[in-house]
Amino acid sequence: MTAVRRAVDLLRWYARELTGEAEYDRYCARHRRRHPHAPVPTRREYQRMRTVRREGESPGRCC
């Protein structure tokens, strides 16, 4: 039974990493450590901040 459980855990970990769900969990943990009194952004707020940051950091394109 433990081998099956390990396989399921590995699949779950892989799916969370692949979809980006684990990234939000890591962000929340880091945010709580660094800013213990500040509210943690919701998943939607986090996605919005992430999108704005990525669009602002991309280099200009010629075409």
PDB file of N, CA and C in Angstrom:
ATOM      1  N   MET A   1       0.816  -1.197   0.000  1.00  0.00           N
ATOM      2  CA  MET A   1       0.000   0.000   0.000  1.00  0.00           C
ATOM      3  C   MET A   1       0.857   1.257   0.000  1.00  0.00           C
ATOM      4  N   THR A   2       2.008   1.226   0.641  1.00  0.00           N
ATOM      5  CA  THR A   2       2.842   2.421   0.689  1.00  0.00           C
ATOM      6  C   THR A   2       3.383   2.792  -0.686  1.00  0.00           C
ATOM      7  N   ALA A   3       3.644   1.810  -1.537  1.00  0.00           N
ATOM      8  CA  ALA A   3       4.136   2.110  -2.881  1.00  0.00           C
ATOM      9  C   ALA A   3       3.053   2.822  -3.689  1.00  0.00           C
ATOM     10  N   VAL A   4       1.828   2.391  -3.528  1.00  0.00           N
ATOM     11  CA  VAL A   4       0.710   3.045  -4.217  1.00  0.00           C
ATOM     12  C   VAL A   4       0.547   4.469  -3.703  1.00  0.00           C
ATOM     13  N   ARG A   5       0.634   4.622  -2.402  1.00  0.00           N
ATOM     14  CA  ARG A   5       0.497   5.953  -1.800  1.00  0.00           C
ATOM     15  C   ARG A   5       1.601   6.892  -2.287  1.00  0.00           C
ATOM     16  N   ARG A   6       2.828   6.387  -2.367  1.00  0.00           N
ATOM     17  CA  ARG A   6       3.947   7.199  -2.870  1.00  0.00           C
ATOM     18  C   ARG A   6       3.726   7.606  -4.317  1.00  0.00           C
ATOM     19  N   ALA A   7       3.215   6.680  -5.114  1.00  0.00           N
ATOM     20  CA  ALA A   7       2.955   6.980  -6.520  1.00  0.00           C
ATOM     21  C   ALA A   7       1.876   8.057  -6.650  1.00  0.00           C
ATOM     22  N   VAL A   8       0.836   7.961  -5.844  1.00  0.00           N
ATOM     23  CA  VAL A   8      -0.233   8.962  -5.873  1.00  0.00           C
ATOM     24  C   VAL A   8       0.303  10.319  -5.417  1.00  0.00           C
ATOM     25  N   ASP A   9       1.098  10.332  -4.368  1.00  0.00           N
ATOM     26  CA  ASP A   9       1.691  11.578  -3.882  1.00  0.00           C
ATOM     27  C   ASP A   9       2.594  12.208  -4.944  1.00  0.00           C
ATOM     28  N   LEU A  10       3.365  11.393  -5.624  1.00  0.00           N
ATOM     29  CA  LEU A  10       4.245  11.891  -6.677  1.00  0.00           C
ATOM     30  C   LEU A  10       3.438  12.471  -7.837  1.00  0.00           C
ATOM     31  N   LEU A  11       2.385  11.793  -8.220  1.00  0.00           N
ATOM     32  CA  LEU A  11       1.517  12.302  -9.281  1.00  0.00           C
ATOM     33  C   LEU A  11       0.862  13.624  -8.885  1.00  0.00           C
ATOM     34  N   ARG A  12       0.411  13.699  -7.652  1.00  0.00           N
ATOM     35  CA  ARG A  12      -0.207  14.928  -7.155  1.00  0.00           C
ATOM     36  C   ARG A  12       0.806  16.067  -7.154  1.00  0.00           C
ATOM     37  N   TRP A  13       2.024  15.807  -6.669  1.00  0.00           N
ATOM     38  CA  TRP A  13       3.072  16.815  -6.657  1.00  0.00           C
ATOM     39  C   TRP A  13       3.360  17.296  -8.081  1.00  0.00           C
ATOM     40  N   TYR A  14       3.486  16.364  -9.009  1.00  0.00           N
ATOM     41  CA  TYR A  14       3.795  16.704 -10.392  1.00  0.00           C
ATOM     42  C   TYR A  14       2.691  17.565 -10.998  1.00  0.00           C
ATOM     43  N   ALA A  15       1.442  17.199 -10.762  1.00  0.00           N
ATOM     44  CA  ALA A  15       0.320  17.961 -11.317  1.00  0.00           C
ATOM     45  C   ALA A  15       0.280  19.375 -10.734  1.00  0.00           C
ATOM     46  N   ARG A  16       0.534  19.514  -9.441  1.00  0.00           N
ATOM     47  CA  ARG A  16       0.527  20.839  -8.809  1.00  0.00           C
ATOM     48  C   ARG A  16       1.672  21.711  -9.342  1.00  0.00           C
ATOM     49  N   GLU A  17       2.839  21.107  -9.571  1.00  0.00           N
ATOM     50  CA  GLU A  17       3.958  21.862 -10.142  1.00  0.00           C
ATOM     51  C   GLU A  17       3.670  22.253 -11.587  1.00  0.00           C
ATOM     52  N   LEU A  18       3.083  21.342 -12.326  1.00  0.00           N
ATOM     53  CA  LEU A  18       2.794  21.580 -13.739  1.00  0.00           C
ATOM     54  C   LEU A  18       1.759  22.691 -13.924  1.00  0.00           C
ATOM     55  N   THR A  19       0.744  22.726 -13.079  1.00  0.00           N
ATOM     56  CA  THR A  19      -0.325  23.720 -13.215  1.00  0.00           C
ATOM     57  C   THR A  19      -0.015  25.039 -12.540  1.00  0.00           C
ATOM     58  N   GLY A  20       1.016  25.106 -11.715  1.00  0.00           N
ATOM     59  CA  GLY A  20       1.366  26.341 -11.038  1.00  0.00           C
ATOM     60  C   GLY A  20       0.689  26.517  -9.694  1.00  0.00           C
ATOM     61  N   GLU A  21      -0.082  25.556  -9.270  1.00  0.00           N
ATOM     62  CA  GLU A  21      -0.782  25.644  -7.997  1.00  0.00           C
ATOM     63  C   GLU A  21       0.188  25.686  -6.826  1.00  0.00           C
ATOM     64  N   ALA A  22       1.266  24.957  -6.908  1.00  0.00           N
ATOM     65  CA  ALA A  22       2.262  24.933  -5.834  1.00  0.00           C
ATOM     66  C   ALA A  22       2.980  26.273  -5.722  1.00  0.00           C
ATOM     67  N   GLU A  23       3.103  26.986  -6.832  1.00  0.00           N
ATOM     68  CA  GLU A  23       3.758  28.291  -6.824  1.00  0.00           C
ATOM     69  C   GLU A  23       2.995  29.272  -5.930  1.00  0.00           C
ATOM     70  N   TYR A  24       1.686  29.266  -6.017  1.00  0.00           N
ATOM     71  CA  TYR A  24       0.875  30.147  -5.167  1.00  0.00           C
ATOM     72  C   TYR A  24       1.028  29.768  -3.696  1.00  0.00           C
ATOM     73  N   ASP A  25       1.064  28.480  -3.394  1.00  0.00           N
ATOM     74  CA  ASP A  25       1.243  28.037  -2.008  1.00  0.00           C
ATOM     75  C   ASP A  25       2.594  28.484  -1.452  1.00  0.00           C
ATOM     76  N   ARG A  26       3.643  28.377  -2.275  1.00  0.00           N
ATOM     77  CA  ARG A  26       4.962  28.848  -1.841  1.00  0.00           C
ATOM     78  C   ARG A  26       4.963  30.358  -1.622  1.00  0.00           C
ATOM     79  N   TYR A  27       4.286  31.076  -2.512  1.00  0.00           N
ATOM     80  CA  TYR A  27       4.190  32.534  -2.362  1.00  0.00           C
ATOM     81  C   TYR A  27       3.494  32.883  -1.047  1.00  0.00           C
ATOM     82  N   CYS A  28       2.384  32.211  -0.736  1.00  0.00           N
ATOM     83  CA  CYS A  28       1.651  32.484   0.508  1.00  0.00           C
ATOM     84  C   CYS A  28       2.524  32.224   1.732  1.00  0.00           C
ATOM     85  N   ALA A  29       3.254  31.140   1.725  1.00  0.00           N
ATOM     86  CA  ALA A  29       4.131  30.824   2.859  1.00  0.00           C
ATOM     87  C   ALA A  29       5.213  31.885   3.016  1.00  0.00           C
ATOM     88  N   ARG A  30       5.820  32.295   1.913  1.00  0.00           N
ATOM     89  CA  ARG A  30       6.858  33.315   1.967  1.00  0.00           C
ATOM     90  C   ARG A  30       6.284  34.660   2.408  1.00  0.00           C
ATOM     91  N   HIS A  31       5.094  34.987   1.910  1.00  0.00           N
ATOM     92  CA  HIS A  31       4.438  36.250   2.281  1.00  0.00           C
ATOM     93  C   HIS A  31       4.122  36.277   3.779  1.00  0.00           C
ATOM     94  N   ARG A  32       3.648  35.176   4.313  1.00  0.00           N
ATOM     95  CA  ARG A  32       3.334  35.111   5.747  1.00  0.00           C
ATOM     96  C   ARG A  32       4.589  35.242   6.601  1.00  0.00           C
ATOM     97  N   ARG A  33       5.711  34.681   6.138  1.00  0.00           N
ATOM     98  CA  ARG A  33       6.973  34.799   6.876  1.00  0.00           C
ATOM     99  C   ARG A  33       7.505  36.223   6.856  1.00  0.00           C
ATOM    100  N   ARG A  34       7.493  36.837   5.684  1.00  0.00           N
ATOM    101  CA  ARG A  34       8.096  38.170   5.544  1.00  0.00           C
ATOM    102  C   ARG A  34       7.193  39.302   6.011  1.00  0.00           C
ATOM    103  N   HIS A  35       5.877  39.121   5.880  1.00  0.00           N
ATOM    104  CA  HIS A  35       4.923  40.157   6.244  1.00  0.00           C
ATOM    105  C   HIS A  35       3.813  39.544   7.111  1.00  0.00           C
ATOM    106  N   PRO A  36       4.122  39.212   8.355  1.00  0.00           N
ATOM    107  CA  PRO A  36       3.162  38.473   9.180  1.00  0.00           C
ATOM    108  C   PRO A  36       1.850  39.208   9.455  1.00  0.00           C
ATOM    109  N   HIS A  37       1.858  40.528   9.405  1.00  0.00           N
ATOM    110  CA  HIS A  37       0.635  41.276   9.723  1.00  0.00           C
ATOM    111  C   HIS A  37      -0.139  41.699   8.477  1.00  0.00           C
ATOM    112  N   ALA A  38       0.423  41.527   7.316  1.00  0.00           N
ATOM    113  CA  ALA A  38      -0.248  41.919   6.076  1.00  0.00           C
ATOM    114  C   ALA A  38      -1.166  40.791   5.602  1.00  0.00           C
ATOM    115  N   PRO A  39      -2.297  41.147   5.010  1.00  0.00           N
ATOM    116  CA  PRO A  39      -3.188  40.102   4.490  1.00  0.00           C
ATOM    117  C   PRO A  39      -2.566  39.424   3.270  1.00  0.00           C
ATOM    118  N   VAL A  40      -2.827  38.157   3.137  1.00  0.00           N
ATOM    119  CA  VAL A  40      -2.304  37.381   2.007  1.00  0.00           C
ATOM    120  C   VAL A  40      -3.240  37.586   0.820  1.00  0.00           C
ATOM    121  N   PRO A  41      -2.694  37.940  -0.348  1.00  0.00           N
ATOM    122  CA  PRO A  41      -3.546  38.124  -1.527  1.00  0.00           C
ATOM    123  C   PRO A  41      -4.265  36.828  -1.905  1.00  0.00           C
ATOM    124  N   THR A  42      -5.449  36.987  -2.442  1.00  0.00           N
ATOM    125  CA  THR A  42      -6.183  35.819  -2.931  1.00  0.00           C
ATOM    126  C   THR A  42      -5.470  35.274  -4.166  1.00  0.00           C
ATOM    127  N   ARG A  43      -5.867  34.101  -4.576  1.00  0.00           N
ATOM    128  CA  ARG A  43      -5.257  33.492  -5.766  1.00  0.00           C
ATOM    129  C   ARG A  43      -5.469  34.394  -6.986  1.00  0.00           C
ATOM    130  N   ARG A  44      -6.635  34.976  -7.111  1.00  0.00           N
ATOM    131  CA  ARG A  44      -6.925  35.856  -8.251  1.00  0.00           C
ATOM    132  C   ARG A  44      -6.042  37.106  -8.212  1.00  0.00           C
ATOM    133  N   GLU A  45      -5.888  37.699  -7.027  1.00  0.00           N
ATOM    134  CA  GLU A  45      -5.022  38.872  -6.886  1.00  0.00           C
ATOM    135  C   GLU A  45      -3.576  38.514  -7.215  1.00  0.00           C
ATOM    136  N   TYR A  46      -3.156  37.351  -6.747  1.00  0.00           N
ATOM    137  CA  TYR A  46      -1.794  36.889  -7.023  1.00  0.00           C
ATOM    138  C   TYR A  46      -1.582  36.717  -8.528  1.00  0.00           C
ATOM    139  N   GLN A  47      -2.534  36.097  -9.207  1.00  0.00           N
ATOM    140  CA  GLN A  47      -2.409  35.896 -10.651  1.00  0.00           C
ATOM    141  C   GLN A  47      -2.334  37.239 -11.379  1.00  0.00           C
ATOM    142  N   ARG A  48      -3.133  38.186 -10.935  1.00  0.00           N
ATOM    143  CA  ARG A  48      -3.129  39.509 -11.550  1.00  0.00           C
ATOM    144  C   ARG A  48      -1.766  40.193 -11.349  1.00  0.00           C
ATOM    145  N   MET A  49      -1.229  40.150 -10.121  1.00  0.00           N
ATOM    146  CA  MET A  49       0.083  40.752  -9.843  1.00  0.00           C
ATOM    147  C   MET A  49       1.165  40.085 -10.681  1.00  0.00           C
ATOM    148  N   ARG A  50       1.087  38.780 -10.793  1.00  0.00           N
ATOM    149  CA  ARG A  50       2.072  38.024 -11.548  1.00  0.00           C
ATOM    150  C   ARG A  50       2.036  38.384 -13.031  1.00  0.00           C
ATOM    151  N   THR A  51       0.833  38.530 -13.571  1.00  0.00           N
ATOM    152  CA  THR A  51       0.684  38.887 -14.979  1.00  0.00           C
ATOM    153  C   THR A  51       1.224  40.284 -15.245  1.00  0.00           C
ATOM    154  N   VAL A  52       0.886  41.233 -14.383  1.00  0.00           N
ATOM    155  CA  VAL A  52       1.372  42.608 -14.552  1.00  0.00           C
ATOM    156  C   VAL A  52       2.890  42.645 -14.479  1.00  0.00           C
ATOM    157  N   ARG A  53       3.471  41.925 -13.538  1.00  0.00           N
ATOM    158  CA  ARG A  53       4.916  41.892 -13.385  1.00  0.00           C
ATOM    159  C   ARG A  53       5.577  41.286 -14.625  1.00  0.00           C
ATOM    160  N   ARG A  54       5.020  40.213 -15.137  1.00  0.00           N
ATOM    161  CA  ARG A  54       5.611  39.569 -16.315  1.00  0.00           C
ATOM    162  C   ARG A  54       5.514  40.449 -17.550  1.00  0.00           C
ATOM    163  N   GLU A  55       4.382  41.124 -17.722  1.00  0.00           N
ATOM    164  CA  GLU A  55       4.220  41.990 -18.890  1.00  0.00           C
ATOM    165  C   GLU A  55       5.134  43.202 -18.805  1.00  0.00           C
ATOM    166  N   GLY A  56       5.378  43.692 -17.593  1.00  0.00           N
ATOM    167  CA  GLY A  56       6.239  44.851 -17.425  1.00  0.00           C
ATOM    168  C   GLY A  56       7.702  44.528 -17.599  1.00  0.00           C
ATOM    169  N   GLU A  57       8.097  43.287 -17.357  1.00  0.00           N
ATOM    170  CA  GLU A  57       9.499  42.891 -17.450  1.00  0.00           C
ATOM    171  C   GLU A  57       9.904  42.432 -18.837  1.00  0.00           C
ATOM    172  N   SER A  58       8.948  42.172 -19.706  1.00  0.00           N
ATOM    173  CA  SER A  58       9.314  41.641 -21.008  1.00  0.00           C
ATOM    174  C   SER A  58       9.971  42.736 -21.847  1.00  0.00           C
ATOM    175  N   PRO A  59      11.001  42.388 -22.588  1.00  0.00           N
ATOM    176  CA  PRO A  59      11.671  43.390 -23.429  1.00  0.00           C
ATOM    177  C   PRO A  59      10.774  43.805 -24.595  1.00  0.00           C
ATOM    178  N   GLY A  60      10.971  44.988 -25.075  1.00  0.00           N
ATOM    179  CA  GLY A  60      10.190  45.473 -26.217  1.00  0.00           C
ATOM    180  C   GLY A  60      10.460  44.621 -27.445  1.00  0.00           C
ATOM    181  N   ARG A  61       9.474  44.501 -28.252  1.00  0.00           N
ATOM    182  CA  ARG A  61       9.631  43.714 -29.479  1.00  0.00           C
ATOM    183  C   ARG A  61       9.651  44.658 -30.683  1.00  0.00           C
ATOM    184  N   CYS A  62      10.361  44.263 -31.666  1.00  0.00           N
ATOM    185  CA  CYS A  62      10.444  45.099 -32.845  1.00  0.00           C
ATOM    186  C   CYS A  62       9.246  44.888 -33.776  1.00  0.00           C
ATOM    187  N   CYS A  63       8.591  43.747 -33.664  1.00  0.00           N
ATOM    188  CA  CYS A  63       7.494  43.434 -34.597  1.00  0.00           C
ATOM    189  C   CYS A  63       6.210  43.135 -33.877  1.00  0.00           C
TER     190      CYS A  63
END
